[in-house]
C-alpha cells in the first residue's frame, strides 16, 4: 500500500511555509530559511498522511524539465517565467532524492508520473497525495484536503474534457474562449462516455469557429498521462489520439 506524493508541490509548499521575513532595521528586510524546518515540515506531513491512510510506503514523484508539453506548445507555463520561487527549493529537492524513494521520468511532470504509477498496476492500493486539480482527470484514489476520494473513470474523463474547454491559466493554455466552468458543464451536460464527451467538445470548438487541431492540442495539454501513454524504453509520450484510444471505440 503506497502513497504517491506530489513532491513538487510538497517541496514548494514546505519551503514557502518555512520562509521567515526578518526586519533588521527600519530600512532592511531579508528572507531567511532554515532547511531543518523544511525537513521537519516534510517529515511531519508524511507521517500525518501515513497515519491517516494506513499506508506505510511512500514514493516521491518529481518533475523533469522540460516536459513534452513544452515541445507541443512553446508557451506552456510561460506566465510563470520570472516569478520568484521560495528559498531552498533546489537543495530540498536534492535532500528528497537522497532521503526518500523517488520517481522521475524523462520529459514528464510530476503529475504525469503520478498518473502513470497510479494506473499502471505497479503498486498495491496506491493513493495519490496532491491538491492539484489536474489529478482529478486521472481515475485513481486521491488524497486532497485530508480526505481520500475515489475518482471514477467517468468522472476523470468529464473533468479532463471540462479542462479542454476551460483551459488552465496557471499552465497558460487557453481552452475555448467564453467557456468557463459553468458554460463547460452545460456543454457536456448530457454526455457520459468519452466518445460523447469528445464529440461535444469538438462541436463546441467548431461552433466557435476554431479548428479541430486546436481542440486536440488542448486535449493533449490537459491530459495527465495514464497507463499506456508513455513508452518507458524510448521515454517518448504517446500523445492522445482519439482514433487509437480503446475508450473511443464503440
Foldseek 3Di string as FASTA:
>chain_A
DEEEEAQVVLLQVLLVVQWDWDDPDPPDIDIDGDVVSSVVSSVVVVVVVCVLPVDDAYEYEAEDPPAVLCVLPVCFQVVCPPDDTGPPSVVVVVVCVVPHHYDYFPRGGSLLVVQAVFFVPPDPQYEYEDQDPLNLLHQGFYQHPSDTDGRHNQRSLLSLLLCLQCPDVSRPDGRHPPRDNVNSCVLCVPPGANLSSVVSSCVVCVVVVHDPVSSLSSSQVSDRHHHPQADRVVSDGNGDDLVPDPSNDD
